[in-house]
Structures are given as structure tokens and as C-alpha cells.
Amino acid sequence: MTVPSAAAWKYVTTIIIVEDDPSVNLAVSRLLEAAGFDVRSFMSAGALLGDPKACDADCLVLDVHLPDMNGFDLQRKLVATGFTAPVVVITAHDDAMHRRAARDIGAFAYLTKPFSSLSLVDAVSRAAAADR
């Protein structure tokens, strides 16, 4: 009998990103991949909802302003389908209404653009660890 190597036992943390700005989507994806996460990114709510593995993640990084539905409505829709992973909300439009909406959907963290690389990696790491 062959015993799997230690690497085979390592838990792979999958992060889903939903961000419609191509440059931000790419930057966040590369940053989280460099931090050791498995990343799947989407440019719209519809693209995520159309993916059969959409709920197979340890954390969701979600932009508020998306072309087809706002991020808060997307999170509500995901929860209704059984998605339970923690959410890190990112937005360039910080105001009291957005902060309240993030609390209402149970966001693990709320980051305003531009955010530091360290703050994003820290928020995602803590959120994913809380999900285990």
C-alpha cells in the first residue's frame, strides 16, 4: 500500500472572486494565487451563478457594483442556494449604506478600494480559516 505524501494531505483553499473591472479582477486573482490560494474569478454575478461549482469555495471576494446585479443581492441569492462560505466585500464606493448592507449580509470583512495587498490577504485568510 502506498501512503500519500504530506503534500497530498494539504487542504487547498479555494477563493471565488466576482469583480467586473478586468484589471482589479486580475490583480486580486494574482495576489491571492501568490499567497497560495486556488482562485476562480468571474466578471459578473450571472457568470458565477451559471457555474455549477459556484458554491464550491472557502471564501468569496465580492465587489458591490457589478453589471448585472449588486453584490449584496448576489450574496442573498447564493445563500438561498446553500452557499455558506464567508464573504469579503470590496468596494470603491464607501458609504454608510454599503457598510450597513455588508453587515446585513453577514460579510466577514469590508474593504474599500484601494486596499492594501496585506489587508486583502489577511481578510481572506481569516475568513477561509473561519469556514473550516
N, C-alpha and C. Protein backbone atom coordinates (compact mmCIF):
# COMPACT_ATOMS: atom_id res chain seq x y z
N MET A 1 0.84 -1.17 0.00
CA MET A 1 0.00 0.00 0.00
C MET A 1 0.89 1.24 0.00
N THR A 2 0.55 2.21 -0.83
CA THR A 2 1.31 3.44 -0.91
C THR A 2 0.65 4.50 -0.03
N VAL A 3 1.45 5.14 0.79
CA VAL A 3 0.95 6.20 1.66
C VAL A 3 1.10 7.53 0.92
N PRO A 4 0.03 8.32 0.84
CA PRO A 4 0.13 9.61 0.16
C PRO A 4 1.15 10.51 0.84
N SER A 5 1.81 11.33 0.04
CA SER A 5 2.78 12.27 0.59
C SER A 5 2.06 13.32 1.43
N ALA A 6 2.83 14.05 2.22
CA ALA A 6 2.25 15.11 3.05
C ALA A 6 1.56 16.15 2.18
N ALA A 7 2.12 16.42 1.01
CA ALA A 7 1.53 17.42 0.11
C ALA A 7 0.13 17.00 -0.33
N ALA A 8 -0.08 15.70 -0.46
CA ALA A 8 -1.39 15.22 -0.90
C ALA A 8 -2.46 15.46 0.16
N TRP A 9 -2.04 15.60 1.41
CA TRP A 9 -2.98 15.82 2.50
C TRP A 9 -3.29 17.29 2.71
N LYS A 10 -2.52 18.15 2.09
CA LYS A 10 -2.71 19.59 2.29
C LYS A 10 -4.08 20.03 1.80
N TYR A 11 -4.74 20.81 2.61
CA TYR A 11 -6.05 21.34 2.25
C TYR A 11 -5.87 22.50 1.28
N VAL A 12 -6.54 22.47 0.16
CA VAL A 12 -6.46 23.54 -0.82
C VAL A 12 -7.62 24.50 -0.55
N THR A 13 -7.29 25.76 -0.33
CA THR A 13 -8.30 26.77 -0.06
C THR A 13 -8.71 27.44 -1.36
N THR A 14 -9.98 27.34 -1.69
CA THR A 14 -10.49 27.91 -2.94
C THR A 14 -11.21 29.22 -2.66
N ILE A 15 -10.83 30.23 -3.41
CA ILE A 15 -11.41 31.56 -3.28
C ILE A 15 -12.09 31.91 -4.59
N ILE A 16 -13.32 32.40 -4.50
CA ILE A 16 -14.04 32.89 -5.67
C ILE A 16 -14.02 34.42 -5.63
N ILE A 17 -13.67 35.02 -6.76
CA ILE A 17 -13.67 36.47 -6.89
C ILE A 17 -14.74 36.85 -7.90
N VAL A 18 -15.58 37.82 -7.56
CA VAL A 18 -16.54 38.38 -8.50
C VAL A 18 -16.26 39.88 -8.56
N GLU A 19 -15.62 40.30 -9.63
CA GLU A 19 -15.18 41.69 -9.82
C GLU A 19 -15.25 42.00 -11.30
N ASP A 20 -16.00 43.06 -11.67
CA ASP A 20 -16.21 43.35 -13.09
C ASP A 20 -15.11 44.18 -13.73
N ASP A 21 -14.25 44.82 -12.95
CA ASP A 21 -13.14 45.58 -13.53
C ASP A 21 -12.02 44.60 -13.86
N PRO A 22 -11.71 44.42 -15.16
CA PRO A 22 -10.72 43.41 -15.54
C PRO A 22 -9.37 43.56 -14.85
N SER A 23 -8.89 44.79 -14.70
CA SER A 23 -7.58 44.98 -14.08
C SER A 23 -7.60 44.66 -12.59
N VAL A 24 -8.68 45.01 -11.89
CA VAL A 24 -8.80 44.68 -10.47
C VAL A 24 -8.98 43.18 -10.31
N ASN A 25 -9.80 42.57 -11.16
CA ASN A 25 -10.03 41.13 -11.11
C ASN A 25 -8.70 40.39 -11.26
N LEU A 26 -7.91 40.79 -12.25
CA LEU A 26 -6.63 40.13 -12.49
C LEU A 26 -5.66 40.37 -11.33
N ALA A 27 -5.60 41.60 -10.84
CA ALA A 27 -4.68 41.90 -9.74
C ALA A 27 -5.04 41.12 -8.47
N VAL A 28 -6.32 41.08 -8.14
CA VAL A 28 -6.76 40.34 -6.94
C VAL A 28 -6.50 38.84 -7.13
N SER A 29 -6.79 38.34 -8.31
CA SER A 29 -6.54 36.92 -8.59
C SER A 29 -5.07 36.57 -8.43
N ARG A 30 -4.21 37.36 -9.04
CA ARG A 30 -2.76 37.09 -8.96
C ARG A 30 -2.25 37.21 -7.52
N LEU A 31 -2.72 38.20 -6.80
CA LEU A 31 -2.29 38.39 -5.42
C LEU A 31 -2.67 37.17 -4.58
N LEU A 32 -3.91 36.73 -4.69
CA LEU A 32 -4.36 35.59 -3.88
C LEU A 32 -3.71 34.28 -4.32
N GLU A 33 -3.45 34.13 -5.62
CA GLU A 33 -2.71 32.95 -6.09
C GLU A 33 -1.29 32.95 -5.52
N ALA A 34 -0.64 34.12 -5.53
CA ALA A 34 0.71 34.22 -4.98
C ALA A 34 0.73 33.92 -3.48
N ALA A 35 -0.38 34.16 -2.81
CA ALA A 35 -0.50 33.86 -1.38
C ALA A 35 -0.82 32.39 -1.14
N GLY A 36 -0.99 31.61 -2.20
CA GLY A 36 -1.18 30.17 -2.06
C GLY A 36 -2.60 29.68 -2.19
N PHE A 37 -3.52 30.54 -2.58
CA PHE A 37 -4.91 30.12 -2.73
C PHE A 37 -5.19 29.63 -4.14
N ASP A 38 -6.16 28.74 -4.25
CA ASP A 38 -6.71 28.34 -5.54
C ASP A 38 -7.79 29.37 -5.84
N VAL A 39 -7.70 30.06 -6.97
CA VAL A 39 -8.60 31.16 -7.27
C VAL A 39 -9.41 30.89 -8.52
N ARG A 40 -10.70 31.20 -8.43
CA ARG A 40 -11.60 31.17 -9.59
C ARG A 40 -12.24 32.54 -9.65
N SER A 41 -12.14 33.19 -10.80
CA SER A 41 -12.68 34.55 -10.88
C SER A 41 -13.77 34.66 -11.93
N PHE A 42 -14.69 35.60 -11.66
CA PHE A 42 -15.83 35.85 -12.53
C PHE A 42 -15.97 37.35 -12.71
N MET A 43 -16.48 37.75 -13.87
CA MET A 43 -16.65 39.17 -14.19
C MET A 43 -18.06 39.69 -13.89
N SER A 44 -18.98 38.79 -13.55
CA SER A 44 -20.36 39.20 -13.29
C SER A 44 -21.04 38.21 -12.37
N ALA A 45 -22.15 38.65 -11.81
CA ALA A 45 -22.96 37.77 -10.98
C ALA A 45 -23.50 36.61 -11.81
N GLY A 46 -23.98 36.92 -13.01
CA GLY A 46 -24.53 35.89 -13.88
C GLY A 46 -23.53 34.80 -14.22
N ALA A 47 -22.28 35.19 -14.45
CA ALA A 47 -21.24 34.21 -14.76
C ALA A 47 -21.03 33.26 -13.58
N LEU A 48 -21.02 33.82 -12.38
CA LEU A 48 -20.87 32.98 -11.19
C LEU A 48 -22.08 32.06 -11.02
N LEU A 49 -23.27 32.63 -11.13
CA LEU A 49 -24.49 31.83 -10.94
C LEU A 49 -24.65 30.75 -12.00
N GLY A 50 -24.06 30.95 -13.16
CA GLY A 50 -24.14 29.96 -14.23
C GLY A 50 -23.13 28.85 -14.11
N ASP A 51 -22.25 28.92 -13.12
CA ASP A 51 -21.22 27.90 -12.93
C ASP A 51 -21.72 26.85 -11.94
N PRO A 52 -21.75 25.59 -12.34
CA PRO A 52 -22.27 24.55 -11.44
C PRO A 52 -21.43 24.35 -10.17
N LYS A 53 -20.17 24.81 -10.17
CA LYS A 53 -19.32 24.66 -8.99
C LYS A 53 -19.23 25.96 -8.19
N ALA A 54 -20.18 26.86 -8.40
CA ALA A 54 -20.13 28.18 -7.79
C ALA A 54 -20.09 28.13 -6.27
N CYS A 55 -20.72 27.18 -5.68
CA CYS A 55 -20.77 27.11 -4.21
C CYS A 55 -19.61 26.31 -3.63
N ASP A 56 -18.70 25.87 -4.47
CA ASP A 56 -17.57 25.06 -4.03
C ASP A 56 -16.38 25.97 -3.74
N ALA A 57 -16.46 26.74 -2.67
CA ALA A 57 -15.38 27.67 -2.31
C ALA A 57 -15.33 27.83 -0.80
N ASP A 58 -14.18 28.30 -0.34
CA ASP A 58 -13.97 28.54 1.08
C ASP A 58 -14.19 30.00 1.45
N CYS A 59 -14.19 30.87 0.45
CA CYS A 59 -14.39 32.30 0.69
C CYS A 59 -14.77 32.95 -0.64
N LEU A 60 -15.57 33.98 -0.56
CA LEU A 60 -15.99 34.76 -1.72
C LEU A 60 -15.52 36.20 -1.55
N VAL A 61 -14.80 36.71 -2.56
CA VAL A 61 -14.42 38.12 -2.59
C VAL A 61 -15.37 38.77 -3.58
N LEU A 62 -16.19 39.68 -3.09
CA LEU A 62 -17.33 40.16 -3.85
C LEU A 62 -17.33 41.68 -3.97
N ASP A 63 -17.30 42.16 -5.21
CA ASP A 63 -17.43 43.60 -5.45
C ASP A 63 -18.89 43.97 -5.29
N VAL A 64 -19.14 45.20 -4.85
CA VAL A 64 -20.52 45.66 -4.66
C VAL A 64 -21.18 45.98 -5.99
N HIS A 65 -20.49 46.75 -6.82
CA HIS A 65 -21.09 47.21 -8.08
C HIS A 65 -20.70 46.28 -9.22
N LEU A 66 -21.67 45.49 -9.66
CA LEU A 66 -21.49 44.55 -10.77
C LEU A 66 -22.46 44.93 -11.88
N PRO A 67 -22.19 44.52 -13.11
CA PRO A 67 -23.03 44.99 -14.21
C PRO A 67 -24.45 44.45 -14.22
N ASP A 68 -24.67 43.26 -13.65
CA ASP A 68 -25.98 42.63 -13.78
C ASP A 68 -26.80 42.56 -12.49
N MET A 69 -26.16 42.74 -11.35
CA MET A 69 -26.87 42.79 -10.06
C MET A 69 -25.86 43.26 -9.03
N ASN A 70 -26.31 43.90 -7.98
CA ASN A 70 -25.32 44.34 -7.00
C ASN A 70 -24.85 43.15 -6.16
N GLY A 71 -23.68 43.32 -5.57
CA GLY A 71 -23.07 42.23 -4.82
C GLY A 71 -23.88 41.76 -3.64
N PHE A 72 -24.62 42.66 -3.02
CA PHE A 72 -25.44 42.27 -1.88
C PHE A 72 -26.57 41.34 -2.30
N ASP A 73 -27.21 41.67 -3.43
CA ASP A 73 -28.27 40.80 -3.95
C ASP A 73 -27.70 39.45 -4.38
N LEU A 74 -26.51 39.48 -4.96
CA LEU A 74 -25.85 38.22 -5.35
C LEU A 74 -25.62 37.36 -4.11
N GLN A 75 -25.10 37.93 -3.05
CA GLN A 75 -24.87 37.15 -1.83
C GLN A 75 -26.16 36.56 -1.28
N ARG A 76 -27.23 37.34 -1.29
CA ARG A 76 -28.52 36.82 -0.82
C ARG A 76 -28.97 35.63 -1.67
N LYS A 77 -28.78 35.76 -2.97
CA LYS A 77 -29.16 34.68 -3.89
C LYS A 77 -28.31 33.44 -3.64
N LEU A 78 -27.03 33.62 -3.41
CA LEU A 78 -26.14 32.48 -3.13
C LEU A 78 -26.54 31.79 -1.83
N VAL A 79 -26.84 32.56 -0.81
CA VAL A 79 -27.26 31.98 0.48
C VAL A 79 -28.53 31.16 0.29
N ALA A 80 -29.44 31.66 -0.53
CA ALA A 80 -30.70 30.93 -0.79
C ALA A 80 -30.44 29.60 -1.48
N THR A 81 -29.29 29.46 -2.17
CA THR A 81 -28.97 28.20 -2.84
C THR A 81 -28.08 27.30 -1.98
N GLY A 82 -27.77 27.75 -0.75
CA GLY A 82 -26.99 26.92 0.14
C GLY A 82 -25.54 27.34 0.30
N PHE A 83 -25.12 28.43 -0.28
CA PHE A 83 -23.75 28.91 -0.16
C PHE A 83 -23.53 29.43 1.25
N THR A 84 -22.54 28.88 1.94
CA THR A 84 -22.33 29.27 3.33
C THR A 84 -20.94 29.83 3.59
N ALA A 85 -20.09 29.88 2.59
CA ALA A 85 -18.72 30.38 2.80
C ALA A 85 -18.74 31.87 3.15
N PRO A 86 -17.76 32.30 3.93
CA PRO A 86 -17.70 33.72 4.30
C PRO A 86 -17.42 34.62 3.10
N VAL A 87 -17.83 35.88 3.24
CA VAL A 87 -17.72 36.84 2.15
C VAL A 87 -16.86 38.03 2.60
N VAL A 88 -15.93 38.40 1.71
CA VAL A 88 -15.17 39.63 1.87
C VAL A 88 -15.71 40.59 0.82
N VAL A 89 -16.29 41.69 1.26
CA VAL A 89 -16.86 42.68 0.35
C VAL A 89 -15.79 43.72 0.01
N ILE A 90 -15.69 44.04 -1.28
CA ILE A 90 -14.78 45.10 -1.72
C ILE A 90 -15.58 46.14 -2.50
N THR A 91 -15.24 47.41 -2.28
CA THR A 91 -15.98 48.46 -2.98
C THR A 91 -15.14 49.73 -3.11
N ALA A 92 -15.39 50.46 -4.17
CA ALA A 92 -14.78 51.78 -4.36
C ALA A 92 -15.72 52.87 -3.89
N HIS A 93 -16.93 52.51 -3.53
CA HIS A 93 -17.97 53.47 -3.15
C HIS A 93 -18.37 53.26 -1.69
N ASP A 94 -17.50 53.70 -0.80
CA ASP A 94 -17.74 53.51 0.63
C ASP A 94 -18.72 54.55 1.16
N ASP A 95 -19.75 54.07 1.81
CA ASP A 95 -20.68 54.96 2.50
C ASP A 95 -21.42 54.15 3.56
N ALA A 96 -22.17 54.84 4.38
CA ALA A 96 -22.88 54.17 5.48
C ALA A 96 -23.85 53.11 4.98
N MET A 97 -24.51 53.36 3.86
CA MET A 97 -25.47 52.40 3.32
C MET A 97 -24.77 51.10 2.92
N HIS A 98 -23.61 51.20 2.27
CA HIS A 98 -22.87 49.99 1.87
C HIS A 98 -22.35 49.24 3.09
N ARG A 99 -21.84 49.97 4.07
CA ARG A 99 -21.34 49.29 5.28
C ARG A 99 -22.47 48.56 5.99
N ARG A 100 -23.64 49.18 6.08
CA ARG A 100 -24.80 48.56 6.70
C ARG A 100 -25.24 47.32 5.90
N ALA A 101 -25.27 47.44 4.58
CA ALA A 101 -25.66 46.30 3.73
C ALA A 101 -24.67 45.15 3.89
N ALA A 102 -23.39 45.47 4.02
CA ALA A 102 -22.39 44.42 4.22
C ALA A 102 -22.63 43.69 5.54
N ARG A 103 -22.95 44.45 6.58
CA ARG A 103 -23.28 43.82 7.87
C ARG A 103 -24.53 42.97 7.75
N ASP A 104 -25.52 43.48 7.02
CA ASP A 104 -26.79 42.76 6.88
C ASP A 104 -26.63 41.41 6.18
N ILE A 105 -25.69 41.31 5.24
CA ILE A 105 -25.48 40.03 4.56
C ILE A 105 -24.49 39.15 5.31
N GLY A 106 -23.97 39.65 6.43
CA GLY A 106 -23.05 38.87 7.25
C GLY A 106 -21.64 38.83 6.70
N ALA A 107 -21.22 39.88 6.02
CA ALA A 107 -19.87 39.91 5.45
C ALA A 107 -18.82 39.73 6.54
N PHE A 108 -17.82 38.93 6.24
CA PHE A 108 -16.73 38.70 7.19
C PHE A 108 -15.85 39.94 7.28
N ALA A 109 -15.64 40.60 6.14
CA ALA A 109 -14.82 41.81 6.10
C ALA A 109 -15.35 42.74 5.02
N TYR A 110 -15.02 44.01 5.17
CA TYR A 110 -15.45 45.06 4.25
C TYR A 110 -14.23 45.92 3.96
N LEU A 111 -13.76 45.89 2.70
CA LEU A 111 -12.56 46.63 2.32
C LEU A 111 -12.90 47.66 1.26
N THR A 112 -12.35 48.85 1.42
CA THR A 112 -12.58 49.89 0.43
C THR A 112 -11.36 50.01 -0.48
N LYS A 113 -11.65 50.18 -1.77
CA LYS A 113 -10.59 50.35 -2.77
C LYS A 113 -10.08 51.78 -2.71
N PRO A 114 -8.81 51.99 -2.83
CA PRO A 114 -7.78 50.95 -2.93
C PRO A 114 -7.45 50.39 -1.54
N PHE A 115 -7.32 49.08 -1.47
CA PHE A 115 -6.95 48.43 -0.22
C PHE A 115 -5.54 47.87 -0.39
N SER A 116 -4.88 47.64 0.71
CA SER A 116 -3.52 47.10 0.63
C SER A 116 -3.57 45.60 0.34
N SER A 117 -2.53 45.11 -0.26
CA SER A 117 -2.41 43.68 -0.52
C SER A 117 -2.50 42.89 0.78
N LEU A 118 -1.81 43.39 1.79
CA LEU A 118 -1.80 42.71 3.08
C LEU A 118 -3.20 42.64 3.68
N SER A 119 -3.98 43.72 3.60
CA SER A 119 -5.32 43.69 4.20
C SER A 119 -6.22 42.69 3.49
N LEU A 120 -6.11 42.57 2.17
CA LEU A 120 -6.92 41.59 1.44
C LEU A 120 -6.50 40.16 1.80
N VAL A 121 -5.22 39.88 1.73
CA VAL A 121 -4.75 38.52 2.03
C VAL A 121 -5.11 38.16 3.47
N ASP A 122 -4.96 39.10 4.39
CA ASP A 122 -5.31 38.84 5.79
C ASP A 122 -6.80 38.54 5.94
N ALA A 123 -7.64 39.36 5.32
CA ALA A 123 -9.09 39.16 5.44
C ALA A 123 -9.51 37.82 4.84
N VAL A 124 -8.98 37.50 3.68
CA VAL A 124 -9.34 36.24 3.02
C VAL A 124 -8.81 35.05 3.83
N SER A 125 -7.60 35.15 4.33
CA SER A 125 -7.03 34.06 5.13
C SER A 125 -7.85 33.80 6.39
N ARG A 126 -8.22 34.88 7.08
CA ARG A 126 -9.01 34.72 8.29
C ARG A 126 -10.42 34.19 7.97
N ALA A 127 -11.01 34.68 6.89
CA ALA A 127 -12.35 34.22 6.51
C ALA A 127 -12.34 32.74 6.15
N ALA A 128 -11.37 32.34 5.34
CA ALA A 128 -11.29 30.93 4.93
C ALA A 128 -11.03 30.03 6.12
N ALA A 129 -10.18 30.48 7.04
CA ALA A 129 -9.89 29.69 8.25
C ALA A 129 -11.13 29.56 9.12
N ALA A 130 -11.93 30.61 9.18
CA ALA A 130 -13.16 30.58 9.98
C ALA A 130 -14.17 29.61 9.40
N ASP A 131 -14.08 29.34 8.10
CA ASP A 131 -15.03 28.45 7.43
C ASP A 131 -14.71 26.98 7.68
N ARG A 132 -13.50 26.66 8.11
CA ARG A 132 -13.10 25.26 8.29
C ARG A 132 -13.66 24.67 9.54
